[in-house]
Amino acid sequence: MVLSLPVLRHVMLVLAVSAFGFAGLARADDPPQPRSEAASPAGQKGGRGGGAQSTTSASPSAAELHRLPPDSTTRQTLELPGRTLNFAATAGSIRVFDGKGEPLADIAYTSYELDGADRATRPVTFLFNGGPGASSAWLQFGAAGPWRLPLDGEGLSPSAPPEVKPNAETWLDFTDLVFIDPVSTGYSRFVASGEDARKSFYSVDGDVNSIALVIRRWLEKHDRLTSPKYVAGESYGGIRGPKVVRQLQLQHGVGVRGLILVSPLFDFREFAGTSLLQYVATLPSYVAVAREAKRPVTRADLADVEAYARGEFLADLVKGEANKEATNRLADKVAELTGIDQAVSRRLAGRFDVGEFRREFDRRNGKVTGRYDGSVRGFDPYPDSGSSRFGDPSGDALQAPLTSAAVDVLTRKLNWRPDGSYEVLNGSVEGHWDFGRGLNPPQSVSELRQILATDAKLNVLVAHGLFDLATPYFGSKRVLDQLPAFVTQRVKFVVYPGGHMFYSRDGSRQAMRSEVETLIRE
């Protein structure tokens, strides 16, 4: 969770801006030797409680005022069908410092470690979501954690009870779990003030470097450096994931056995500017939404659409709108496949961006489709407006119960009570994110190739939902099809009924858990 359309458009506006480096970030939760207060900037200390005290003030530094509470570890028992899991749950944080030893941020995490396992050989998986600006709550309480909040699409509303229940599909049976909340998500926060700190974290490289650093520091802190390690990321996690694994390999001396990517985006170029590939990527998902309205759909039912998208459809797109014969042929075929009015399809030359499809698909009934899950529909609050002024019926309803559930688990079950607000999805992060890559939009395909080439034992699982209009599955399929032949057997691509959070569907969640278990037990 979760890439928004404004982010995709924003990328093109910032391509000329160079990315802020993160070279000054030195270590996490391990400050240098204490210095005197006089040698530190006003209101700052070089370490946690070290150094001489100021003779003029006994007030705590700004960093200490913003510090998260000490880590809290509790013993938990989970009763599940056919088994009982006993485990240690830790809610806490790791402090990140710059190269001068000044604290920058506290990165929150929640970890679950099964009792009785050999720590040297027990796998551990690090999970994060996307956004940028999303906490790890989506994967933790939707898919992999010990407790799950039912995410029932149209059946869930903002006022639904935020009651979690034991998750029969938790991954804890076969791997310990560490959920990471990047800065400004969940309870993670800056402890440094000033624009430079924000810039260093709110960038493609700075974000990746901070997450890799936190992973390494958690392994050291919990004596797990010899454990088999896995990384899992969702949505923008498709950009983060391969880059984090590469950073761990090169900068932190940490090898990763497997990479799990849930509804990922690998390459912003496919959805930016005038790229024709954006229409190729989205067409199968549009048709999946149309067919799901009549009967249950699997990916096998879309073989004809995938063949058309990569063949005649792409060929007619390339001919351009000036070729009326090709354009009308394309527009009429799209109308036939999606059920959208032929006149509308011809007006748009068969080139529907996601927002246009969402509004036009069921406009006759005054409804819009979800972006995270196109099979979910809700009322358009302004059905007669000439502009699009609607939210996402498949995503907006989830934020309130998910936030409340996360706070309840952390405070009541895990006994960790930070002050401040829990940010399940922080829109200000994406608004300030630096995607700058010169003339090249962010992509992780290069790192994906590198990590697969560097480690012949590394396996990758890529999982998508059929009705996801945020990161359409066929976009990832196109990317993976271009990988070298030597990695074919180590990259598995699966598609399930459902949307961006396809794991909200029981069958899809169960199937994904089985695939993840197979990957980790190999």
Protein backbone atom coordinates (compact mmCIF):
# COMPACT_ATOMS: atom_id res chain seq x y z
CA MET A 1 0.00 0.00 0.00
CA VAL A 2 -0.16 2.44 -1.78
CA LEU A 3 0.72 4.45 -4.88
CA SER A 4 -1.65 7.30 -5.66
CA LEU A 5 -2.27 8.86 -9.05
CA PRO A 6 -0.93 12.27 -7.93
CA VAL A 7 2.36 10.55 -7.12
CA LEU A 8 2.68 9.19 -10.64
CA ARG A 9 2.01 12.63 -12.10
CA HIS A 10 4.29 14.28 -9.58
CA VAL A 11 7.22 12.15 -10.68
CA MET A 12 7.43 13.90 -14.02
CA LEU A 13 7.54 17.29 -12.32
CA VAL A 14 10.56 16.42 -10.24
CA LEU A 15 12.69 14.48 -12.68
CA ALA A 16 15.01 17.45 -13.12
CA VAL A 17 15.67 17.61 -9.38
CA SER A 18 18.68 15.64 -8.21
CA ALA A 19 18.11 13.16 -5.41
CA PHE A 20 19.40 14.11 -1.99
CA GLY A 21 22.06 11.67 -0.87
CA PHE A 22 22.05 9.85 2.40
CA ALA A 23 25.79 9.56 2.69
CA GLY A 24 25.80 11.43 6.00
CA LEU A 25 23.77 8.76 7.74
CA ALA A 26 26.21 6.80 9.79
CA ARG A 27 24.50 4.31 12.04
CA ALA A 28 21.34 3.36 13.82
CA ASP A 29 20.81 3.25 17.58
CA ASP A 30 24.56 3.37 18.09
CA PRO A 31 25.76 6.95 18.59
CA PRO A 32 29.45 7.90 18.83
CA GLN A 33 31.22 8.64 22.11
CA PRO A 34 29.51 11.33 24.20
CA ARG A 35 30.61 14.92 23.77
CA SER A 36 30.16 17.90 25.99
CA GLU A 37 26.98 19.92 25.63
CA ALA A 38 29.01 22.94 24.62
CA ALA A 39 30.31 21.08 21.56
CA SER A 40 26.82 20.20 20.34
CA PRO A 41 24.35 22.37 18.46
CA ALA A 42 21.84 24.14 20.65
CA GLY A 43 19.18 21.77 21.94
CA GLN A 44 20.98 18.68 20.59
CA LYS A 45 23.12 15.99 22.20
CA GLY A 46 25.58 13.66 20.60
CA GLY A 47 24.18 10.57 22.28
CA ARG A 48 21.55 9.14 24.53
CA GLY A 49 22.16 10.69 27.91
CA GLY A 50 25.94 11.06 27.46
CA GLY A 51 28.14 14.08 27.88
CA ALA A 52 28.39 16.87 30.42
CA GLN A 53 25.19 18.60 31.44
CA SER A 54 24.64 22.22 30.56
CA THR A 55 25.19 24.56 33.46
CA THR A 56 22.48 26.91 32.26
CA SER A 57 19.58 24.51 31.67
CA ALA A 58 18.53 21.07 32.84
CA SER A 59 15.78 20.73 30.23
CA PRO A 60 15.94 17.73 27.90
CA SER A 61 17.07 18.12 24.31
CA ALA A 62 14.60 18.35 21.48
CA ALA A 63 15.59 14.83 20.44
CA GLU A 64 14.77 13.43 23.86
CA LEU A 65 11.43 15.21 23.93
CA HIS A 66 10.51 13.44 20.69
CA ARG A 67 11.89 10.02 21.69
CA LEU A 68 9.61 7.02 21.40
CA PRO A 69 9.08 4.90 24.53
CA PRO A 70 11.50 2.06 25.37
CA ASP A 71 10.94 -1.19 23.53
CA SER A 72 8.22 -3.39 24.99
CA THR A 73 8.42 -7.20 24.74
CA THR A 74 5.43 -9.31 25.73
CA ARG A 75 4.73 -13.03 25.65
CA GLN A 76 1.82 -14.00 23.41
CA THR A 77 -0.15 -17.16 22.68
CA LEU A 78 -2.16 -17.53 19.50
CA GLU A 79 -4.80 -20.25 19.23
CA LEU A 80 -5.29 -21.26 15.59
CA PRO A 81 -7.01 -24.19 13.87
CA GLY A 82 -4.86 -27.26 14.47
CA ARG A 83 -2.03 -25.46 16.23
CA THR A 84 -0.99 -23.06 18.99
CA LEU A 85 1.77 -20.50 18.49
CA ASN A 86 3.74 -19.11 21.44
CA PHE A 87 5.89 -16.13 20.60
CA ALA A 88 7.57 -12.95 21.78
CA ALA A 89 6.13 -9.71 20.40
CA THR A 90 8.28 -6.58 20.53
CA ALA A 91 7.11 -3.08 19.72
CA GLY A 92 9.92 -0.60 19.66
CA SER A 93 12.16 1.63 17.60
CA ILE A 94 15.68 2.08 16.29
CA ARG A 95 17.25 5.52 16.35
CA VAL A 96 19.07 6.68 13.23
CA PHE A 97 22.00 9.11 13.44
CA ASP A 98 23.81 11.21 10.89
CA GLY A 99 27.55 11.08 10.21
CA LYS A 100 28.22 13.55 13.03
CA GLY A 101 26.38 11.45 15.57
CA GLU A 102 23.35 13.69 15.75
CA PRO A 103 19.99 11.88 16.00
CA LEU A 104 17.79 12.12 12.93
CA ALA A 105 14.79 9.86 13.41
CA ASP A 106 13.26 7.03 15.40
CA ILE A 107 12.09 4.21 13.12
CA ALA A 108 9.36 2.08 14.71
CA TYR A 109 9.10 -1.67 14.21
CA THR A 110 6.98 -4.55 15.45
CA SER A 111 8.57 -7.97 15.58
CA TYR A 112 7.20 -11.44 16.27
CA GLU A 113 9.61 -14.27 17.15
CA LEU A 114 8.40 -17.84 17.68
CA ASP A 115 9.35 -19.54 20.94
CA GLY A 116 11.61 -22.58 20.95
CA ALA A 117 13.22 -22.00 17.54
CA ASP A 118 16.95 -22.10 16.85
CA ARG A 119 17.78 -18.44 16.33
CA ALA A 120 20.74 -19.31 14.10
CA THR A 121 18.61 -21.15 11.55
CA ARG A 122 15.15 -19.67 12.06
CA PRO A 123 14.18 -17.49 9.04
CA VAL A 124 13.28 -13.84 9.62
CA THR A 125 11.32 -11.68 7.16
CA PHE A 126 11.34 -7.87 7.08
CA LEU A 127 8.14 -6.32 5.73
CA PHE A 128 7.23 -2.80 4.65
CA ASN A 129 4.52 -1.19 2.58
CA GLY A 130 4.73 1.59 0.05
CA GLY A 131 3.10 4.92 -0.65
CA PRO A 132 5.53 6.55 -0.15
CA GLY A 133 3.87 7.36 3.16
CA ALA A 134 2.18 4.05 4.10
CA SER A 135 2.81 2.26 7.37
CA SER A 136 3.29 -1.49 7.54
CA ALA A 137 -0.21 -1.96 9.01
CA TRP A 138 -1.63 -3.14 5.67
CA LEU A 139 0.62 -6.20 5.49
CA GLN A 140 0.70 -6.74 9.24
CA PHE A 141 -3.04 -6.71 9.87
CA GLY A 142 -4.20 -7.75 6.43
CA ALA A 143 -1.92 -10.60 5.44
CA ALA A 144 1.04 -11.86 7.45
CA GLY A 145 0.84 -10.90 11.12
CA PRO A 146 -0.55 -12.94 14.02
CA TRP A 147 -3.75 -10.90 14.10
CA ARG A 148 -5.88 -9.86 11.16
CA LEU A 149 -8.47 -7.17 10.59
CA PRO A 150 -11.12 -8.42 8.12
CA LEU A 151 -10.85 -6.23 5.00
CA ASP A 152 -14.05 -7.10 3.23
CA GLY A 153 -14.15 -4.59 0.35
CA GLU A 154 -17.66 -3.23 -0.01
CA GLY A 155 -18.66 -4.74 3.33
CA LEU A 156 -16.18 -2.58 5.24
CA SER A 157 -16.95 1.02 6.20
CA PRO A 158 -15.03 3.68 8.18
CA SER A 159 -17.30 2.97 11.16
CA ALA A 160 -16.75 -0.80 11.09
CA PRO A 161 -15.50 -2.23 14.42
CA PRO A 162 -11.68 -2.32 14.36
CA GLU A 163 -11.56 -5.73 15.96
CA VAL A 164 -8.66 -7.98 15.01
CA LYS A 165 -8.89 -11.75 15.21
CA PRO A 166 -6.30 -14.56 15.15
CA ASN A 167 -4.91 -14.89 11.65
CA ALA A 168 -4.96 -18.49 10.49
CA GLU A 169 -2.82 -17.46 7.50
CA THR A 170 -0.04 -15.81 9.52
CA TRP A 171 3.47 -16.46 8.23
CA LEU A 172 4.77 -16.87 11.78
CA ASP A 173 4.64 -20.69 11.48
CA PHE A 174 7.63 -20.66 9.13
CA THR A 175 9.36 -17.28 9.63
CA ASP A 176 9.78 -14.64 12.29
CA LEU A 177 8.35 -11.29 11.22
CA VAL A 178 9.61 -7.71 11.52
CA PHE A 179 7.29 -4.94 10.28
CA ILE A 180 9.04 -1.63 9.60
CA ASP A 181 7.38 1.78 9.47
CA PRO A 182 9.48 4.29 7.50
CA VAL A 183 9.82 7.74 9.03
CA SER A 184 6.55 9.72 9.25
CA THR A 185 4.46 6.53 9.04
CA GLY A 186 3.01 4.61 11.95
CA TYR A 187 4.65 6.08 15.03
CA SER A 188 8.04 6.65 13.33
CA ARG A 189 9.15 10.25 13.59
CA PHE A 190 11.88 12.77 13.07
CA VAL A 191 13.80 13.82 16.14
CA ALA A 192 15.89 16.34 14.23
CA SER A 193 14.41 19.62 13.10
CA GLY A 194 15.10 21.38 9.86
CA GLU A 195 14.61 20.83 6.17
CA ASP A 196 17.77 18.80 5.62
CA ALA A 197 16.59 15.91 7.78
CA ARG A 198 13.30 15.69 5.92
CA LYS A 199 15.01 15.81 2.54
CA SER A 200 17.43 13.05 3.46
CA PHE A 201 14.61 10.61 4.24
CA TYR A 202 12.00 11.76 1.71
CA SER A 203 13.95 10.58 -1.32
CA VAL A 204 14.37 7.35 -3.25
CA ASP A 205 17.93 6.69 -2.14
CA GLY A 206 17.65 8.12 1.38
CA ASP A 207 14.57 6.02 2.07
CA VAL A 208 16.24 2.83 0.85
CA ASN A 209 19.40 3.49 2.82
CA SER A 210 17.50 4.13 6.05
CA ILE A 211 15.45 0.92 5.74
CA ALA A 212 18.53 -1.18 4.96
CA LEU A 213 20.30 0.36 7.94
CA VAL A 214 17.39 -0.42 10.26
CA ILE A 215 17.31 -4.04 9.04
CA ARG A 216 20.99 -4.49 9.74
CA ARG A 217 20.71 -2.86 13.15
CA TRP A 218 17.71 -5.03 14.10
CA LEU A 219 19.69 -8.14 13.18
CA GLU A 220 22.56 -6.99 15.38
CA LYS A 221 20.30 -5.89 18.23
CA HIS A 222 18.44 -9.22 18.31
CA ASP A 223 21.45 -11.47 17.60
CA ARG A 224 20.04 -12.70 14.27
CA LEU A 225 22.85 -12.05 11.82
CA THR A 226 23.16 -15.76 11.02
CA SER A 227 19.42 -16.27 10.40
CA PRO A 228 18.14 -16.81 6.83
CA LYS A 229 16.78 -13.42 5.79
CA TYR A 230 13.87 -12.39 3.56
CA VAL A 231 12.47 -9.05 2.47
CA ALA A 232 8.82 -8.35 1.58
CA GLY A 233 7.44 -5.10 0.17
CA GLU A 234 4.09 -3.95 -1.17
CA SER A 235 3.23 -1.40 -3.90
CA TYR A 236 6.02 1.23 -3.84
CA GLY A 237 7.77 -1.60 -2.06
CA GLY A 238 8.46 -2.78 -5.61
CA ILE A 239 10.85 0.17 -5.91
CA ARG A 240 12.14 -0.23 -2.35
CA GLY A 241 12.52 -4.02 -2.26
CA PRO A 242 15.21 -4.73 -4.88
CA LYS A 243 17.09 -1.57 -3.89
CA VAL A 244 17.05 -2.52 -0.19
CA VAL A 245 18.34 -6.02 -0.98
CA ARG A 246 21.12 -4.55 -3.14
CA GLN A 247 22.03 -2.06 -0.41
CA LEU A 248 22.18 -4.83 2.18
CA GLN A 249 24.45 -6.87 -0.09
CA LEU A 250 26.88 -4.06 -0.86
CA GLN A 251 26.89 -1.75 2.15
CA HIS A 252 25.86 -3.81 5.16
CA GLY A 253 27.26 -7.29 4.61
CA VAL A 254 23.82 -8.87 4.79
CA GLY A 255 22.70 -11.49 2.28
CA VAL A 256 19.01 -12.03 1.55
CA ARG A 257 17.61 -15.44 0.59
CA GLY A 258 14.35 -14.28 -0.94
CA LEU A 259 12.38 -11.21 -2.04
CA ILE A 260 8.58 -11.15 -1.86
CA LEU A 261 6.81 -8.35 -3.72
CA VAL A 262 3.09 -7.77 -3.26
CA SER A 263 1.28 -5.66 -5.90
CA PRO A 264 4.57 -3.98 -6.82
CA LEU A 265 5.49 -1.19 -9.18
CA PHE A 266 8.91 -1.67 -10.75
CA ASP A 267 9.14 1.22 -13.17
CA PHE A 268 7.48 4.64 -13.07
CA ARG A 269 8.18 5.16 -16.77
CA GLU A 270 5.34 2.81 -17.65
CA PHE A 271 2.75 5.07 -16.06
CA ALA A 272 4.25 8.48 -16.72
CA GLY A 273 3.89 11.05 -19.46
CA THR A 274 2.89 9.83 -22.90
CA SER A 275 4.07 6.23 -22.56
CA LEU A 276 1.80 3.94 -24.58
CA LEU A 277 2.72 1.05 -22.29
CA GLN A 278 0.45 2.41 -19.58
CA TYR A 279 -2.57 1.47 -21.71
CA VAL A 280 -1.15 -1.99 -22.41
CA ALA A 281 -0.57 -2.53 -18.68
CA THR A 282 -4.06 -1.52 -17.59
CA LEU A 283 -6.26 -3.10 -20.29
CA PRO A 284 -6.31 -6.67 -18.87
CA SER A 285 -7.30 -5.34 -15.44
CA TYR A 286 -10.08 -3.22 -16.98
CA VAL A 287 -11.47 -6.30 -18.68
CA ALA A 288 -11.08 -8.36 -15.51
CA VAL A 289 -13.25 -5.80 -13.69
CA ALA A 290 -15.88 -5.99 -16.45
CA ARG A 291 -15.98 -9.79 -16.46
CA GLU A 292 -15.98 -10.04 -12.66
CA ALA A 293 -19.22 -8.04 -12.66
CA LYS A 294 -20.85 -11.03 -14.40
CA ARG A 295 -19.02 -14.04 -12.96
CA PRO A 296 -15.91 -15.00 -10.98
CA VAL A 297 -12.71 -14.50 -12.96
CA THR A 298 -9.25 -16.02 -12.87
CA ARG A 299 -6.20 -15.00 -14.83
CA ALA A 300 -6.72 -17.94 -17.19
CA ASP A 301 -9.96 -16.28 -18.28
CA LEU A 302 -7.96 -13.29 -19.52
CA ALA A 303 -5.60 -15.11 -21.88
CA ASP A 304 -7.38 -13.64 -24.90
CA VAL A 305 -7.10 -10.10 -23.53
CA GLU A 306 -3.41 -10.44 -22.68
CA ALA A 307 -2.71 -11.69 -26.21
CA TYR A 308 -4.66 -8.80 -27.70
CA ALA A 309 -2.95 -6.22 -25.43
CA ARG A 310 0.56 -7.26 -26.43
CA GLY A 311 -0.40 -7.77 -30.08
CA GLU A 312 -3.06 -5.97 -32.12
CA PHE A 313 -3.83 -3.43 -29.40
CA LEU A 314 -0.23 -2.29 -29.08
CA ALA A 315 0.20 -2.28 -32.86
CA ASP A 316 -2.82 0.01 -33.30
CA LEU A 317 -1.64 2.27 -30.46
CA VAL A 318 1.71 2.74 -32.16
CA LYS A 319 0.02 3.78 -35.41
CA GLY A 320 -1.27 6.86 -33.63
CA GLU A 321 -4.56 8.73 -33.51
CA ALA A 322 -3.99 10.19 -36.95
CA ASN A 323 -4.69 6.74 -38.33
CA LYS A 324 -8.48 6.79 -38.01
CA GLU A 325 -8.96 3.20 -39.09
CA ALA A 326 -6.58 1.85 -36.45
CA THR A 327 -7.94 4.21 -33.79
CA ASN A 328 -11.58 3.32 -34.36
CA ARG A 329 -10.74 -0.37 -34.50
CA LEU A 330 -8.92 -0.08 -31.19
CA ALA A 331 -11.61 2.05 -29.53
CA ASP A 332 -14.42 -0.27 -30.62
CA LYS A 333 -12.57 -3.33 -29.34
CA VAL A 334 -11.96 -1.69 -25.98
CA ALA A 335 -15.64 -0.78 -25.75
CA GLU A 336 -16.60 -4.36 -26.56
CA LEU A 337 -14.23 -5.80 -23.96
CA THR A 338 -15.12 -3.39 -21.13
CA GLY A 339 -18.78 -2.65 -21.84
CA ILE A 340 -18.14 1.09 -21.87
CA ASP A 341 -20.22 3.07 -24.37
CA GLN A 342 -18.67 2.98 -27.85
CA ALA A 343 -19.10 6.73 -28.31
CA VAL A 344 -17.14 7.40 -25.12
CA SER A 345 -14.42 4.99 -26.15
CA ARG A 346 -14.11 6.64 -29.56
CA ARG A 347 -13.97 10.10 -27.96
CA LEU A 348 -11.03 8.92 -25.86
CA ALA A 349 -9.51 6.99 -28.79
CA GLY A 350 -9.66 3.83 -26.67
CA ARG A 351 -6.99 5.31 -24.42
CA PHE A 352 -8.50 5.25 -20.93
CA ASP A 353 -6.37 6.42 -18.07
CA VAL A 354 -7.29 4.90 -14.72
CA GLY A 355 -9.40 7.84 -13.56
CA GLU A 356 -11.41 7.88 -16.78
CA PHE A 357 -12.09 4.15 -16.64
CA ARG A 358 -13.13 4.32 -13.00
CA ARG A 359 -15.74 6.95 -13.78
CA GLU A 360 -17.00 5.72 -17.11
CA PHE A 361 -17.33 2.01 -16.34
CA ASP A 362 -20.55 2.31 -14.29
CA ARG A 363 -21.42 5.93 -14.90
CA ARG A 364 -24.96 5.04 -15.96
CA ASN A 365 -25.65 4.10 -12.34
CA GLY A 366 -23.83 7.07 -10.87
CA LYS A 367 -21.06 4.87 -9.49
CA VAL A 368 -17.27 4.80 -9.67
CA THR A 369 -14.97 1.83 -9.32
CA GLY A 370 -12.24 1.49 -6.74
CA ARG A 371 -8.67 2.21 -7.67
CA TYR A 372 -7.15 -0.32 -5.31
CA ASP A 373 -9.85 -2.81 -6.26
CA GLY A 374 -11.80 -2.12 -9.44
CA SER A 375 -14.38 -4.78 -8.55
CA VAL A 376 -15.56 -2.56 -5.69
CA ARG A 377 -17.97 0.23 -6.62
CA GLY A 378 -19.33 3.21 -4.71
CA PHE A 379 -21.45 6.25 -5.41
CA ASP A 380 -19.93 9.23 -7.20
CA PRO A 381 -20.53 12.15 -4.79
CA TYR A 382 -20.72 14.53 -7.78
CA PRO A 383 -22.25 12.44 -10.59
CA ASP A 384 -23.18 15.50 -12.66
CA SER A 385 -19.84 17.26 -12.33
CA GLY A 386 -17.77 17.85 -15.43
CA SER A 387 -14.65 16.97 -13.47
CA SER A 388 -13.72 13.94 -11.41
CA ARG A 389 -14.31 14.66 -7.73
CA PHE A 390 -14.53 11.23 -6.14
CA GLY A 391 -12.46 9.20 -3.71
CA ASP A 392 -11.70 5.50 -3.69
CA PRO A 393 -14.49 3.25 -2.40
CA SER A 394 -12.01 0.36 -2.14
CA GLY A 395 -9.46 2.24 -0.04
CA ASP A 396 -10.92 5.20 1.81
CA ALA A 397 -13.14 3.00 3.97
CA LEU A 398 -10.16 1.02 5.27
CA GLN A 399 -8.10 3.80 6.85
CA ALA A 400 -10.18 4.46 9.97
CA PRO A 401 -10.62 0.85 11.15
CA LEU A 402 -7.05 -0.06 10.21
CA THR A 403 -5.64 2.89 12.16
CA SER A 404 -7.72 2.08 15.21
CA ALA A 405 -6.81 -1.61 15.01
CA ALA A 406 -3.08 -0.84 14.81
CA VAL A 407 -3.22 1.52 17.81
CA ASP A 408 -5.25 -0.98 19.81
CA VAL A 409 -2.83 -3.86 19.17
CA LEU A 410 0.26 -1.78 19.94
CA THR A 411 -1.11 -0.24 23.12
CA ARG A 412 -3.34 -2.95 24.57
CA LYS A 413 -1.76 -6.22 23.38
CA LEU A 414 1.89 -5.14 23.11
CA ASN A 415 1.93 -2.54 25.90
CA TRP A 416 3.70 0.15 23.85
CA ARG A 417 2.16 3.59 24.18
CA PRO A 418 3.82 6.36 22.17
CA ASP A 419 2.41 9.85 22.24
CA GLY A 420 1.26 11.51 19.05
CA SER A 421 -0.84 10.12 16.22
CA TYR A 422 -0.45 6.86 14.35
CA GLU A 423 -0.10 7.54 10.61
CA VAL A 424 -1.45 4.62 8.62
CA LEU A 425 -1.21 6.59 5.35
CA ASN A 426 0.53 9.97 5.51
CA GLY A 427 -0.27 12.02 2.43
CA SER A 428 2.25 14.74 3.26
CA VAL A 429 5.10 12.30 2.65
CA GLU A 430 4.26 11.72 -1.00
CA GLY A 431 3.71 15.46 -1.45
CA HIS A 432 7.30 16.18 -0.38
CA TRP A 433 8.95 13.10 -1.88
CA ASP A 434 11.97 13.64 -4.10
CA PHE A 435 11.74 11.27 -7.07
CA GLY A 436 14.58 13.11 -8.81
CA ARG A 437 16.59 11.00 -11.21
CA GLY A 438 17.61 13.50 -13.83
CA LEU A 439 15.88 12.39 -17.01
CA ASN A 440 15.15 8.90 -15.71
CA PRO A 441 12.09 8.22 -13.52
CA PRO A 442 12.64 5.86 -10.57
CA GLN A 443 12.82 2.16 -11.36
CA SER A 444 14.13 -0.91 -9.58
CA VAL A 445 14.53 -3.22 -12.58
CA SER A 446 18.27 -2.52 -12.65
CA GLU A 447 18.66 -3.58 -9.02
CA LEU A 448 16.44 -6.62 -9.57
CA ARG A 449 18.77 -7.79 -12.34
CA GLN A 450 21.83 -7.09 -10.20
CA ILE A 451 20.68 -8.97 -7.10
CA LEU A 452 19.62 -11.99 -9.14
CA ALA A 453 22.93 -12.01 -10.99
CA THR A 454 24.96 -11.53 -7.81
CA ASP A 455 23.32 -14.31 -5.80
CA ALA A 456 22.38 -17.49 -7.66
CA LYS A 457 20.47 -18.72 -4.59
CA LEU A 458 18.16 -15.71 -4.35
CA ASN A 459 14.52 -16.37 -5.29
CA VAL A 460 11.80 -13.81 -5.99
CA LEU A 461 8.01 -14.08 -5.67
CA VAL A 462 5.84 -11.43 -7.34
CA ALA A 463 2.13 -11.49 -6.46
CA HIS A 464 -0.67 -9.34 -7.89
CA GLY A 465 -4.43 -8.92 -7.82
CA LEU A 466 -6.50 -9.12 -11.02
CA PHE A 467 -8.58 -6.03 -10.28
CA ASP A 468 -5.79 -3.75 -9.07
CA LEU A 469 -5.89 -0.49 -11.03
CA ALA A 470 -3.15 1.15 -8.93
CA THR A 471 -0.37 -1.25 -9.96
CA PRO A 472 -1.85 -3.46 -12.71
CA TYR A 473 -0.49 -6.99 -12.84
CA PHE A 474 0.22 -6.90 -16.57
CA GLY A 475 2.69 -4.06 -16.06
CA SER A 476 4.81 -6.30 -13.84
CA LYS A 477 4.39 -9.18 -16.25
CA ARG A 478 5.88 -7.10 -19.04
CA VAL A 479 8.86 -6.13 -16.84
CA LEU A 480 9.55 -9.69 -15.73
CA ASP A 481 9.33 -11.00 -19.28
CA GLN A 482 12.36 -8.88 -20.15
CA LEU A 483 14.63 -10.44 -17.53
CA PRO A 484 17.54 -12.61 -18.73
CA ALA A 485 16.89 -16.31 -19.25
CA PHE A 486 19.23 -17.33 -16.43
CA VAL A 487 16.79 -16.00 -13.79
CA THR A 488 13.60 -17.52 -15.21
CA GLN A 489 13.47 -20.41 -12.75
CA ARG A 490 14.06 -18.14 -9.75
CA VAL A 491 11.31 -15.58 -10.34
CA LYS A 492 7.73 -16.71 -9.82
CA PHE A 493 4.76 -14.59 -10.91
CA VAL A 494 1.31 -15.25 -9.48
CA VAL A 495 -2.01 -13.42 -9.91
CA TYR A 496 -5.02 -13.83 -7.64
CA PRO A 497 -8.62 -12.62 -7.63
CA GLY A 498 -8.73 -9.34 -5.74
CA GLY A 499 -7.29 -5.87 -5.88
CA HIS A 500 -4.17 -4.13 -4.58
CA MET A 501 -4.77 -5.79 -1.21
CA PHE A 502 -5.86 -9.07 -2.80
CA TYR A 503 -5.11 -10.77 0.51
CA SER A 504 -8.40 -9.34 1.81
CA ARG A 505 -10.03 -12.28 0.01
CA ASP A 506 -9.76 -15.51 1.98
CA GLY A 507 -8.85 -17.73 -0.97
CA SER A 508 -6.21 -15.34 -2.29
CA ARG A 509 -4.66 -14.83 1.15
CA GLN A 510 -4.46 -18.59 1.69
CA ALA A 511 -2.90 -19.14 -1.73
CA MET A 512 -0.30 -16.41 -1.21
CA ARG A 513 0.67 -17.81 2.20
CA SER A 514 1.27 -21.18 0.58
CA GLU A 515 3.55 -19.62 -2.06
CA VAL A 516 5.51 -17.68 0.57
CA GLU A 517 5.95 -20.79 2.70
CA THR A 518 7.25 -22.73 -0.29
CA LEU A 519 9.74 -19.94 -1.06
CA ILE A 520 11.05 -19.79 2.51
CA ARG A 521 11.22 -23.54 3.06
CA GLU A 522 13.19 -24.16 -0.16
